[in-house]
């Protein structure tokens, strides 16, 4: 049986405040449905992580340079930043 390519999955961390880190809630296993083998251990966020994410997002939104960007420009920044940080890990 062919297993999916998981080489791009470097960790199951959450991206918060410009860095990859473990969430503060329980991790769970992502299973390959064909044979139930574990693909990755995924970290999950708790309420404190969510509050921090909202506070970070609000501070970023209040900055004129971020608030002035259109949605597709913001998405490009976030995506490129995630890939740069992820590939450096």
C-alpha atoms as a PDB file:
ATOM      1  CA  UNK A   1       0.000   0.000   0.000  1.00  0.00           C
ATOM      2  CA  UNK A   2       1.315   3.454  -0.906  1.00  0.00           C
ATOM      3  CA  UNK A   3       1.687   5.893   1.971  1.00  0.00           C
ATOM      4  CA  UNK A   4       1.356   9.665   1.454  1.00  0.00           C
ATOM      5  CA  UNK A   5       4.491  11.778   1.197  1.00  0.00           C
ATOM      6  CA  UNK A   6       4.918  13.352   4.620  1.00  0.00           C
ATOM      7  CA  UNK A   7       8.345  14.849   3.938  1.00  0.00           C
ATOM      8  CA  UNK A   8       6.865  18.363   3.993  1.00  0.00           C
ATOM      9  CA  UNK A   9       5.412  17.823   7.453  1.00  0.00           C
ATOM     10  CA  UNK A  10       8.299  18.871   9.656  1.00  0.00           C
ATOM     11  CA  UNK A  11       6.290  19.192  12.839  1.00  0.00           C
ATOM     12  CA  UNK A  12       2.756  19.401  14.112  1.00  0.00           C
ATOM     13  CA  UNK A  13       3.313  22.739  15.831  1.00  0.00           C
ATOM     14  CA  UNK A  14       1.133  25.833  15.658  1.00  0.00           C
ATOM     15  CA  UNK A  15       2.348  29.103  14.114  1.00  0.00           C
ATOM     16  CA  UNK A  16       1.923  31.917  16.626  1.00  0.00           C
ATOM     17  CA  UNK A  17       3.660  35.233  17.053  1.00  0.00           C
ATOM     18  CA  UNK A  18       6.040  34.600  14.172  1.00  0.00           C
ATOM     19  CA  UNK A  19       7.276  31.221  15.355  1.00  0.00           C
ATOM     20  CA  UNK A  20       6.403  27.553  15.256  1.00  0.00           C
ATOM     21  CA  UNK A  21       5.737  26.166  18.709  1.00  0.00           C
ATOM     22  CA  UNK A  22       3.703  23.551  20.488  1.00  0.00           C
ATOM     23  CA  UNK A  23       0.184  24.448  21.470  1.00  0.00           C
ATOM     24  CA  UNK A  24      -0.754  24.127  25.118  1.00  0.00           C
ATOM     25  CA  UNK A  25      -3.544  21.618  24.651  1.00  0.00           C
ATOM     26  CA  UNK A  26      -3.377  17.872  24.035  1.00  0.00           C
ATOM     27  CA  UNK A  27      -1.707  16.641  20.859  1.00  0.00           C
ATOM     28  CA  UNK A  28      -3.487  14.201  18.588  1.00  0.00           C
ATOM     29  CA  UNK A  29      -2.354  11.735  15.966  1.00  0.00           C
ATOM     30  CA  UNK A  30      -3.166  12.336  12.312  1.00  0.00           C
ATOM     31  CA  UNK A  31      -3.893   8.905  10.861  1.00  0.00           C
ATOM     32  CA  UNK A  32      -3.509   7.626   7.319  1.00  0.00           C
ATOM     33  CA  UNK A  33      -7.037   6.377   6.572  1.00  0.00           C
ATOM     34  CA  UNK A  34      -6.027   3.356   4.506  1.00  0.00           C
ATOM     35  CA  UNK A  35      -4.194   1.556   7.306  1.00  0.00           C
ATOM     36  CA  UNK A  36      -4.489   3.830  10.358  1.00  0.00           C
ATOM     37  CA  UNK A  37      -0.734   4.444  10.653  1.00  0.00           C
ATOM     38  CA  UNK A  38       0.287   7.740  12.223  1.00  0.00           C
ATOM     39  CA  UNK A  39       1.236  10.467   9.720  1.00  0.00           C
ATOM     40  CA  UNK A  40       2.040  13.133  12.302  1.00  0.00           C
ATOM     41  CA  UNK A  41       1.457  14.236  15.858  1.00  0.00           C
ATOM     42  CA  UNK A  42      -0.490  17.492  15.725  1.00  0.00           C
ATOM     43  CA  UNK A  43      -0.206  20.066  18.490  1.00  0.00           C
ATOM     44  CA  UNK A  44      -3.440  21.832  19.416  1.00  0.00           C
ATOM     45  CA  UNK A  45      -4.066  25.263  20.840  1.00  0.00           C
ATOM     46  CA  UNK A  46      -5.945  25.957  24.036  1.00  0.00           C
ATOM     47  CA  UNK A  47      -7.933  29.055  25.036  1.00  0.00           C
ATOM     48  CA  UNK A  48      -4.779  30.917  26.134  1.00  0.00           C
ATOM     49  CA  UNK A  49      -3.149  30.263  22.741  1.00  0.00           C
ATOM     50  CA  UNK A  50      -6.301  31.516  21.015  1.00  0.00           C
ATOM     51  CA  UNK A  51      -6.407  34.681  23.155  1.00  0.00           C
ATOM     52  CA  UNK A  52      -2.753  35.340  22.375  1.00  0.00           C
ATOM     53  CA  UNK A  53      -3.409  34.843  18.662  1.00  0.00           C
ATOM     54  CA  UNK A  54      -6.290  37.342  18.755  1.00  0.00           C
ATOM     55  CA  UNK A  55      -4.164  39.899  20.639  1.00  0.00           C
ATOM     56  CA  UNK A  56      -1.294  39.478  18.154  1.00  0.00           C
ATOM     57  CA  UNK A  57      -3.678  39.815  15.217  1.00  0.00           C
ATOM     58  CA  UNK A  58      -5.238  42.941  16.703  1.00  0.00           C
ATOM     59  CA  UNK A  59      -1.826  44.572  17.259  1.00  0.00           C
ATOM     60  CA  UNK A  60      -0.834  43.732  13.679  1.00  0.00           C
ATOM     61  CA  UNK A  61      -4.091  45.114  12.332  1.00  0.00           C
ATOM     62  CA  UNK A  62      -3.584  48.389  14.212  1.00  0.00           C
ATOM     63  CA  UNK A  63      -0.278  48.963  12.441  1.00  0.00           C
ATOM     64  CA  UNK A  64      -0.860  51.236   9.467  1.00  0.00           C
ATOM     65  CA  UNK A  65       1.297  49.209   7.095  1.00  0.00           C
ATOM     66  CA  UNK A  66      -0.645  45.989   7.772  1.00  0.00           C
ATOM     67  CA  UNK A  67      -4.090  47.616   7.943  1.00  0.00           C
ATOM     68  CA  UNK A  68      -3.492  49.275   4.584  1.00  0.00           C
ATOM     69  CA  UNK A  69      -2.949  45.985   2.759  1.00  0.00           C
ATOM     70  CA  UNK A  70      -5.697  44.257   0.818  1.00  0.00           C
ATOM     71  CA  UNK A  71      -6.699  40.735   1.901  1.00  0.00           C
ATOM     72  CA  UNK A  72      -4.775  39.006  -0.914  1.00  0.00           C
ATOM     73  CA  UNK A  73      -1.640  41.010  -0.021  1.00  0.00           C
ATOM     74  CA  UNK A  74      -1.937  39.957   3.633  1.00  0.00           C
ATOM     75  CA  UNK A  75      -2.414  36.345   2.598  1.00  0.00           C
ATOM     76  CA  UNK A  76       0.772  36.525   0.524  1.00  0.00           C
ATOM     77  CA  UNK A  77       2.732  37.893   3.479  1.00  0.00           C
ATOM     78  CA  UNK A  78       1.461  35.241   5.848  1.00  0.00           C
ATOM     79  CA  UNK A  79       2.018  32.395   3.387  1.00  0.00           C
ATOM     80  CA  UNK A  80       5.540  33.463   2.469  1.00  0.00           C
ATOM     81  CA  UNK A  81       6.436  34.059   6.123  1.00  0.00           C
ATOM     82  CA  UNK A  82       5.139  30.618   7.085  1.00  0.00           C
ATOM     83  CA  UNK A  83       7.126  28.929   4.336  1.00  0.00           C
ATOM     84  CA  UNK A  84      10.318  30.822   5.221  1.00  0.00           C
ATOM     85  CA  UNK A  85       9.996  29.946   8.915  1.00  0.00           C
ATOM     86  CA  UNK A  86       8.951  26.360   8.194  1.00  0.00           C
ATOM     87  CA  UNK A  87      11.831  25.683   5.809  1.00  0.00           C
ATOM     88  CA  UNK A  88      14.318  27.137   8.304  1.00  0.00           C
ATOM     89  CA  UNK A  89      13.125  24.771  11.060  1.00  0.00           C
END
